[in-house]
Amino acid sequence: MRSMAGPQNAYEKLVAEGKLYPDTAQADAVSRLQILHEQLAKYRPGKRGIFGGSAKAPQGLYLWGGVGRGKSLLMDLFYETAPLAPRARVHFHEFMAETHERIAQWRAMSDSERKRQPHLVRRAPVDDPLPHVARAAFQSAHLLCFDEFQVTDIADAMIMGRFFDWLFRFGAVVVATSNRHPDDLYKDGLNRNVFLPSIDLLKANMQVHELGAARDYRLDQLTGSKVYHHPLGAESDAAMDAAWARLTMAASEERDELHVRGRTLVIPRAARGAARVSFADMCVSALGAEDYLAVARTYNTLFMDHIPALSPEKRNEARRFVTLVDALYEHKTKFVCSADAAPEDLYPKGDGAFEFERTTSRLMEMQSAEYLGEEHTSGEVSV
């Protein structure tokens, strides 16, 4: 008899509490995650078998389907109960950015420095960074859960096959969510033929399963109430808290760190693919377009508290807010906020008010059902 511990029990509890509607497609996906959960309970990476070989890693899961079907939620339930450690749940774009940083660091080392690294792979050339960087990733997390797995960058495409080959050799187990079938990854990308073996590698090491639920759960949560709350005060604060609780289903929050060109951008609250920040966090601090693009790529929804009335005296803050909204808009990141005034009254007059009009228009469009139903993109775009 199958144990009820794990993602299946967590999912059924959410249904029983009325936080999720019963859904046969989601239930099917959860049953597959439950099977993997039980396989991981018996898996010991690196342990030698009775015939001398290393223990074989269970096959991971590649969960794909349309926007808002609950893929990230189901993966979170799996991750939170997973019996394998160490483990990591990370946005795929952020993981690849860190990987490129590690590769650059390895290349900058001398051979003597490389040979002293704890993640050195002795059977691999020291001047080839990929096996050693892959081992560092595996040492940090035997189980890797990737949200929004998609490949749009040629730099990622060129290294993925060999990098993931080493990860799987070491015994890593990978679970991923994506809006695309593996066969459609890096579609129409430059030199895609070089990337095709990476697709075969993923399919060999991960069970591919489509989550075909008809209901868009995220859209239900966001369109069920306002996403732009004004004026500021106890009422808008309570509305923001309620919207956050609905979207994240009261999941445990984490402090996230995004790495942007060697700098660390702290996100104070993150859960279920959403982030929550204040206007001061994002727009009073000296951040720029690259920081806002990293936020827009990483999170499907951004909550921002306490946007003040803007004026020429707050020109720098207003400029940063404009850049942030542009990044969110281009990536179709959903935006839930509390503000001192309606969009059209947020920067009503004075030097800079005319330039703010496009932002006003975007803030209004970002409240529409059409925008809320758009697919979030984590690839490179320009703003």
Foldseek 3Di string as FASTA:
>chain_A
DQDCQALNVVVVVCCVVVLDPDFPLVNVVLVVLSVLLVVQLPDDFPDADPVGHTDAAAFAAEEAAAAQLCPLVSVVRRVVRRPDPDADEFAPVLVVVVLVVQLVVLQPDDLVVLVPDPQDDVVDDSNDCQLSSLSVVCVHHLEYEYEADADQDVVCLQCQQVNVVSNNVSRRHYYYYHHDQLVCGCNVHDPCVSNVNNSVVSVVRHPYDYSYTPDNNLLCLQLVDFQEADDDDPVLVVVLVVSVCSNQVVDDWDWDWGAFPNDTQIQGTDGSLEGEEELCSQQVPPDDLRVLLSNLLRGLEYEYEEAEQDEPVSVSSLVRVLSNLVSNQVQLRQYGYHYNDQLCRSYPDYPPNVVCVVVSVSVVVSRDSVSNSDDGHNDDDDD
